[in-house]
Amino acid sequence: MGKKKFFISMGAGVFLLASLTAHAEGDPEAGRKKAELCAGCHGISGWRNAYPAYAVPKLGGQHAAYLVSALKAYKSGARNHPPMQGSADSLSEQDMADIAAFLSAQ
């Protein structure tokens, strides 16, 4: 990724994080079932999920606000990754909050 694209992506991420002041409260228990969708890729045993060489990013323990902003960015098309865009497109804002609450507690 070029520097310009990187900084544009980072700027979009910061903007999305700043816009989360009025997001829905997530329910970790409801998120447990909904997060099964994520495990299809993010829960594959043996896949390296740490920088610098990773197949998919680690989601457990990630900040809930970051997870919600990333899902919203995939849904809106601000972040380009077709499998994630397809997954995020099916999620409501409450689904995103629930999944983020569950994953951030892992």
N, C-alpha and C. Protein backbone atom coordinates (compact mmCIF):
# COMPACT_ATOMS: atom_id res chain seq x y z
N MET A 1 0.85 -1.17 0.00
CA MET A 1 0.00 0.00 0.00
C MET A 1 0.90 1.23 0.00
N GLY A 2 0.59 2.18 -0.86
CA GLY A 2 1.37 3.41 -0.93
C GLY A 2 1.11 4.29 0.27
N LYS A 3 2.04 5.22 0.50
CA LYS A 3 1.91 6.13 1.64
C LYS A 3 0.62 6.93 1.57
N LYS A 4 0.27 7.39 0.37
CA LYS A 4 -0.93 8.21 0.22
C LYS A 4 -2.18 7.41 0.62
N LYS A 5 -2.30 6.18 0.13
CA LYS A 5 -3.45 5.35 0.47
C LYS A 5 -3.47 5.04 1.97
N PHE A 6 -2.28 4.80 2.52
CA PHE A 6 -2.18 4.50 3.95
C PHE A 6 -2.71 5.66 4.78
N PHE A 7 -2.26 6.87 4.47
CA PHE A 7 -2.68 8.03 5.24
C PHE A 7 -4.16 8.36 5.02
N ILE A 8 -4.66 8.13 3.83
CA ILE A 8 -6.09 8.32 3.58
C ILE A 8 -6.89 7.32 4.40
N SER A 9 -6.44 6.07 4.42
CA SER A 9 -7.12 5.03 5.20
C SER A 9 -7.08 5.35 6.69
N MET A 10 -5.93 5.79 7.16
CA MET A 10 -5.81 6.14 8.58
C MET A 10 -6.70 7.33 8.92
N GLY A 11 -6.73 8.32 8.04
CA GLY A 11 -7.59 9.48 8.27
C GLY A 11 -9.05 9.09 8.33
N ALA A 12 -9.46 8.19 7.43
CA ALA A 12 -10.84 7.71 7.45
C ALA A 12 -11.13 6.97 8.75
N GLY A 13 -10.17 6.18 9.21
CA GLY A 13 -10.34 5.45 10.47
C GLY A 13 -10.49 6.38 11.66
N VAL A 14 -9.66 7.41 11.71
CA VAL A 14 -9.74 8.39 12.80
C VAL A 14 -11.09 9.09 12.75
N PHE A 15 -11.53 9.47 11.55
CA PHE A 15 -12.82 10.13 11.39
C PHE A 15 -13.94 9.22 11.88
N LEU A 16 -13.89 7.95 11.51
CA LEU A 16 -14.93 7.02 11.94
C LEU A 16 -14.91 6.81 13.44
N LEU A 17 -13.73 6.72 14.03
CA LEU A 17 -13.65 6.58 15.48
C LEU A 17 -14.25 7.80 16.18
N ALA A 18 -13.97 8.97 15.66
CA ALA A 18 -14.49 10.20 16.25
C ALA A 18 -16.01 10.27 16.13
N SER A 19 -16.58 9.61 15.13
CA SER A 19 -18.02 9.67 14.92
C SER A 19 -18.79 8.64 15.75
N LEU A 20 -18.10 7.89 16.58
CA LEU A 20 -18.75 6.83 17.35
C LEU A 20 -19.28 7.29 18.70
N THR A 21 -19.39 8.56 18.92
CA THR A 21 -19.79 9.05 20.24
C THR A 21 -21.18 8.59 20.64
N ALA A 22 -22.04 8.29 19.67
CA ALA A 22 -23.41 7.89 19.99
C ALA A 22 -23.70 6.49 19.46
N HIS A 23 -22.80 5.56 19.68
CA HIS A 23 -23.02 4.21 19.16
C HIS A 23 -23.85 3.38 20.14
N ALA A 24 -24.44 2.34 19.62
CA ALA A 24 -25.27 1.46 20.44
C ALA A 24 -24.41 0.71 21.44
N GLU A 25 -24.99 0.42 22.58
CA GLU A 25 -24.31 -0.37 23.61
C GLU A 25 -24.38 -1.83 23.20
N GLY A 26 -23.24 -2.51 23.22
CA GLY A 26 -23.19 -3.90 22.79
C GLY A 26 -23.48 -4.88 23.91
N ASP A 27 -24.08 -5.99 23.56
CA ASP A 27 -24.39 -7.08 24.48
C ASP A 27 -23.46 -8.25 24.15
N PRO A 28 -22.46 -8.50 25.02
CA PRO A 28 -21.49 -9.57 24.72
C PRO A 28 -22.13 -10.94 24.53
N GLU A 29 -23.17 -11.23 25.29
CA GLU A 29 -23.81 -12.55 25.16
C GLU A 29 -24.50 -12.69 23.81
N ALA A 30 -25.17 -11.64 23.37
CA ALA A 30 -25.79 -11.67 22.03
C ALA A 30 -24.70 -11.73 20.96
N GLY A 31 -23.57 -11.08 21.22
CA GLY A 31 -22.47 -11.07 20.27
C GLY A 31 -21.79 -12.40 20.10
N ARG A 32 -21.86 -13.26 21.12
CA ARG A 32 -21.22 -14.58 21.06
C ARG A 32 -21.72 -15.37 19.85
N LYS A 33 -23.01 -15.44 19.67
CA LYS A 33 -23.60 -16.20 18.56
C LYS A 33 -23.31 -15.50 17.23
N LYS A 34 -23.46 -14.18 17.21
CA LYS A 34 -23.24 -13.41 15.98
C LYS A 34 -21.79 -13.49 15.51
N ALA A 35 -20.86 -13.63 16.44
CA ALA A 35 -19.43 -13.66 16.11
C ALA A 35 -19.01 -14.99 15.47
N GLU A 36 -19.90 -15.96 15.43
CA GLU A 36 -19.57 -17.22 14.76
C GLU A 36 -19.25 -16.96 13.29
N LEU A 37 -19.87 -15.95 12.70
CA LEU A 37 -19.57 -15.55 11.33
C LEU A 37 -18.10 -15.17 11.20
N CYS A 38 -17.56 -14.48 12.19
CA CYS A 38 -16.17 -14.01 12.16
C CYS A 38 -15.18 -15.18 12.27
N ALA A 39 -15.56 -16.19 13.04
CA ALA A 39 -14.65 -17.31 13.29
C ALA A 39 -14.32 -18.09 12.03
N GLY A 40 -15.16 -17.98 11.01
CA GLY A 40 -14.89 -18.67 9.76
C GLY A 40 -13.53 -18.33 9.19
N CYS A 41 -13.10 -17.09 9.36
CA CYS A 41 -11.77 -16.65 8.89
C CYS A 41 -10.84 -16.31 10.05
N HIS A 42 -11.36 -15.57 11.02
CA HIS A 42 -10.51 -15.06 12.09
C HIS A 42 -10.23 -16.10 13.17
N GLY A 43 -10.89 -17.25 13.10
CA GLY A 43 -10.68 -18.28 14.11
C GLY A 43 -10.04 -19.54 13.57
N ILE A 44 -9.38 -19.45 12.42
CA ILE A 44 -8.76 -20.64 11.83
C ILE A 44 -7.49 -20.98 12.59
N SER A 45 -7.48 -22.13 13.20
CA SER A 45 -6.34 -22.57 14.00
C SER A 45 -5.08 -22.69 13.14
N GLY A 46 -3.99 -22.17 13.66
CA GLY A 46 -2.71 -22.29 12.97
C GLY A 46 -2.39 -21.14 12.04
N TRP A 47 -3.35 -20.27 11.75
CA TRP A 47 -3.07 -19.11 10.90
C TRP A 47 -2.35 -18.07 11.74
N ARG A 48 -1.27 -17.56 11.20
CA ARG A 48 -0.53 -16.50 11.90
C ARG A 48 -1.38 -15.23 11.86
N ASN A 49 -1.61 -14.64 13.02
CA ASN A 49 -2.44 -13.45 13.05
C ASN A 49 -1.75 -12.30 13.78
N ALA A 50 -0.45 -12.19 13.58
CA ALA A 50 0.30 -11.10 14.19
C ALA A 50 1.20 -10.45 13.15
N TYR A 51 1.45 -9.17 13.31
CA TYR A 51 2.32 -8.42 12.42
C TYR A 51 3.72 -9.02 12.47
N PRO A 52 4.50 -9.10 11.42
CA PRO A 52 4.31 -8.48 10.11
C PRO A 52 3.68 -9.39 9.08
N ALA A 53 3.62 -10.68 9.31
CA ALA A 53 3.08 -11.59 8.28
C ALA A 53 1.85 -12.28 8.85
N TYR A 54 0.69 -11.78 8.51
CA TYR A 54 -0.52 -12.38 9.05
C TYR A 54 -1.49 -12.70 7.92
N ALA A 55 -2.30 -13.70 8.15
CA ALA A 55 -3.32 -14.07 7.17
C ALA A 55 -4.60 -13.28 7.45
N VAL A 56 -4.98 -13.19 8.69
CA VAL A 56 -6.14 -12.40 9.11
C VAL A 56 -5.81 -11.77 10.46
N PRO A 57 -6.34 -10.59 10.74
CA PRO A 57 -6.03 -9.95 12.02
C PRO A 57 -6.71 -10.63 13.20
N LYS A 58 -6.09 -10.52 14.34
CA LYS A 58 -6.64 -11.04 15.58
C LYS A 58 -7.75 -10.09 16.04
N LEU A 59 -8.88 -10.62 16.43
CA LEU A 59 -10.00 -9.79 16.86
C LEU A 59 -10.21 -9.82 18.37
N GLY A 60 -9.93 -10.95 19.01
CA GLY A 60 -10.12 -11.06 20.45
C GLY A 60 -9.26 -10.07 21.20
N GLY A 61 -9.89 -9.33 22.12
CA GLY A 61 -9.17 -8.35 22.93
C GLY A 61 -9.02 -6.99 22.26
N GLN A 62 -9.48 -6.86 21.04
CA GLN A 62 -9.40 -5.57 20.34
C GLN A 62 -10.43 -4.61 20.95
N HIS A 63 -10.16 -3.32 20.88
CA HIS A 63 -11.08 -2.31 21.41
C HIS A 63 -12.41 -2.37 20.67
N ALA A 64 -13.51 -2.36 21.40
CA ALA A 64 -14.84 -2.45 20.80
C ALA A 64 -15.09 -1.31 19.82
N ALA A 65 -14.70 -0.10 20.19
CA ALA A 65 -14.94 1.06 19.30
C ALA A 65 -14.21 0.88 17.97
N TYR A 66 -13.01 0.33 18.02
CA TYR A 66 -12.26 0.08 16.78
C TYR A 66 -12.98 -0.95 15.92
N LEU A 67 -13.44 -2.04 16.54
CA LEU A 67 -14.13 -3.09 15.78
C LEU A 67 -15.39 -2.55 15.11
N VAL A 68 -16.16 -1.76 15.85
CA VAL A 68 -17.38 -1.18 15.28
C VAL A 68 -17.03 -0.25 14.12
N SER A 69 -16.01 0.59 14.31
CA SER A 69 -15.65 1.53 13.24
C SER A 69 -15.15 0.79 12.01
N ALA A 70 -14.41 -0.30 12.21
CA ALA A 70 -13.92 -1.08 11.07
C ALA A 70 -15.09 -1.72 10.33
N LEU A 71 -16.04 -2.29 11.06
CA LEU A 71 -17.20 -2.92 10.42
C LEU A 71 -18.02 -1.89 9.65
N LYS A 72 -18.20 -0.71 10.24
CA LYS A 72 -18.94 0.35 9.54
C LYS A 72 -18.20 0.78 8.27
N ALA A 73 -16.88 0.85 8.35
CA ALA A 73 -16.09 1.25 7.18
C ALA A 73 -16.18 0.20 6.07
N TYR A 74 -16.18 -1.08 6.44
CA TYR A 74 -16.37 -2.12 5.43
C TYR A 74 -17.76 -2.02 4.81
N LYS A 75 -18.77 -1.82 5.66
CA LYS A 75 -20.14 -1.75 5.17
C LYS A 75 -20.34 -0.57 4.22
N SER A 76 -19.72 0.56 4.53
CA SER A 76 -19.89 1.76 3.69
C SER A 76 -19.02 1.73 2.44
N GLY A 77 -18.03 0.83 2.42
CA GLY A 77 -17.11 0.78 1.29
C GLY A 77 -15.86 1.61 1.50
N ALA A 78 -15.74 2.28 2.66
CA ALA A 78 -14.55 3.08 2.95
C ALA A 78 -13.31 2.19 3.09
N ARG A 79 -13.50 0.96 3.53
CA ARG A 79 -12.42 -0.02 3.56
C ARG A 79 -12.75 -1.08 2.52
N ASN A 80 -11.76 -1.42 1.71
CA ASN A 80 -11.98 -2.31 0.59
C ASN A 80 -11.42 -3.71 0.86
N HIS A 81 -12.30 -4.64 1.12
CA HIS A 81 -11.95 -6.05 1.24
C HIS A 81 -13.25 -6.82 1.01
N PRO A 82 -13.46 -7.34 -0.20
CA PRO A 82 -14.76 -7.93 -0.55
C PRO A 82 -15.34 -8.91 0.46
N PRO A 83 -14.57 -9.86 1.02
CA PRO A 83 -15.20 -10.76 2.00
C PRO A 83 -15.71 -10.02 3.23
N MET A 84 -14.94 -9.04 3.71
CA MET A 84 -15.39 -8.28 4.88
C MET A 84 -16.56 -7.37 4.53
N GLN A 85 -16.55 -6.80 3.34
CA GLN A 85 -17.67 -5.96 2.93
C GLN A 85 -18.96 -6.79 2.87
N GLY A 86 -18.86 -8.00 2.35
CA GLY A 86 -20.03 -8.87 2.29
C GLY A 86 -20.54 -9.25 3.67
N SER A 87 -19.62 -9.53 4.57
CA SER A 87 -20.02 -9.89 5.94
C SER A 87 -20.63 -8.69 6.66
N ALA A 88 -19.99 -7.55 6.57
CA ALA A 88 -20.47 -6.36 7.27
C ALA A 88 -21.80 -5.86 6.72
N ASP A 89 -22.02 -6.07 5.44
CA ASP A 89 -23.25 -5.59 4.80
C ASP A 89 -24.49 -6.21 5.43
N SER A 90 -24.36 -7.41 5.97
CA SER A 90 -25.52 -8.10 6.56
C SER A 90 -25.76 -7.72 8.01
N LEU A 91 -24.89 -6.89 8.59
CA LEU A 91 -24.97 -6.56 10.02
C LEU A 91 -25.67 -5.23 10.26
N SER A 92 -26.53 -5.21 11.28
CA SER A 92 -27.11 -3.95 11.74
C SER A 92 -26.10 -3.27 12.67
N GLU A 93 -26.36 -2.03 13.04
CA GLU A 93 -25.47 -1.35 13.99
C GLU A 93 -25.47 -2.08 15.33
N GLN A 94 -26.63 -2.62 15.74
CA GLN A 94 -26.70 -3.36 17.00
C GLN A 94 -25.89 -4.65 16.90
N ASP A 95 -25.97 -5.34 15.75
CA ASP A 95 -25.16 -6.54 15.55
C ASP A 95 -23.68 -6.21 15.70
N MET A 96 -23.25 -5.11 15.08
CA MET A 96 -21.84 -4.70 15.16
C MET A 96 -21.44 -4.43 16.60
N ALA A 97 -22.29 -3.73 17.34
CA ALA A 97 -21.99 -3.42 18.74
C ALA A 97 -21.92 -4.69 19.57
N ASP A 98 -22.83 -5.63 19.33
CA ASP A 98 -22.84 -6.89 20.09
C ASP A 98 -21.58 -7.71 19.80
N ILE A 99 -21.23 -7.83 18.53
CA ILE A 99 -20.03 -8.58 18.14
C ILE A 99 -18.79 -7.93 18.75
N ALA A 100 -18.71 -6.61 18.68
CA ALA A 100 -17.56 -5.89 19.23
C ALA A 100 -17.47 -6.08 20.74
N ALA A 101 -18.61 -6.05 21.43
CA ALA A 101 -18.61 -6.25 22.88
C ALA A 101 -18.10 -7.64 23.23
N PHE A 102 -18.53 -8.64 22.48
CA PHE A 102 -18.07 -10.01 22.74
C PHE A 102 -16.58 -10.16 22.46
N LEU A 103 -16.15 -9.72 21.28
CA LEU A 103 -14.75 -9.91 20.89
C LEU A 103 -13.79 -9.12 21.77
N SER A 104 -14.18 -7.93 22.18
CA SER A 104 -13.28 -7.12 23.01
C SER A 104 -13.08 -7.73 24.39
N ALA A 105 -14.01 -8.57 24.82
CA ALA A 105 -13.90 -9.22 26.13
C ALA A 105 -13.07 -10.50 26.08
N GLN A 106 -12.63 -10.92 24.91
CA GLN A 106 -11.89 -12.17 24.76
C GLN A 106 -10.43 -11.99 25.12
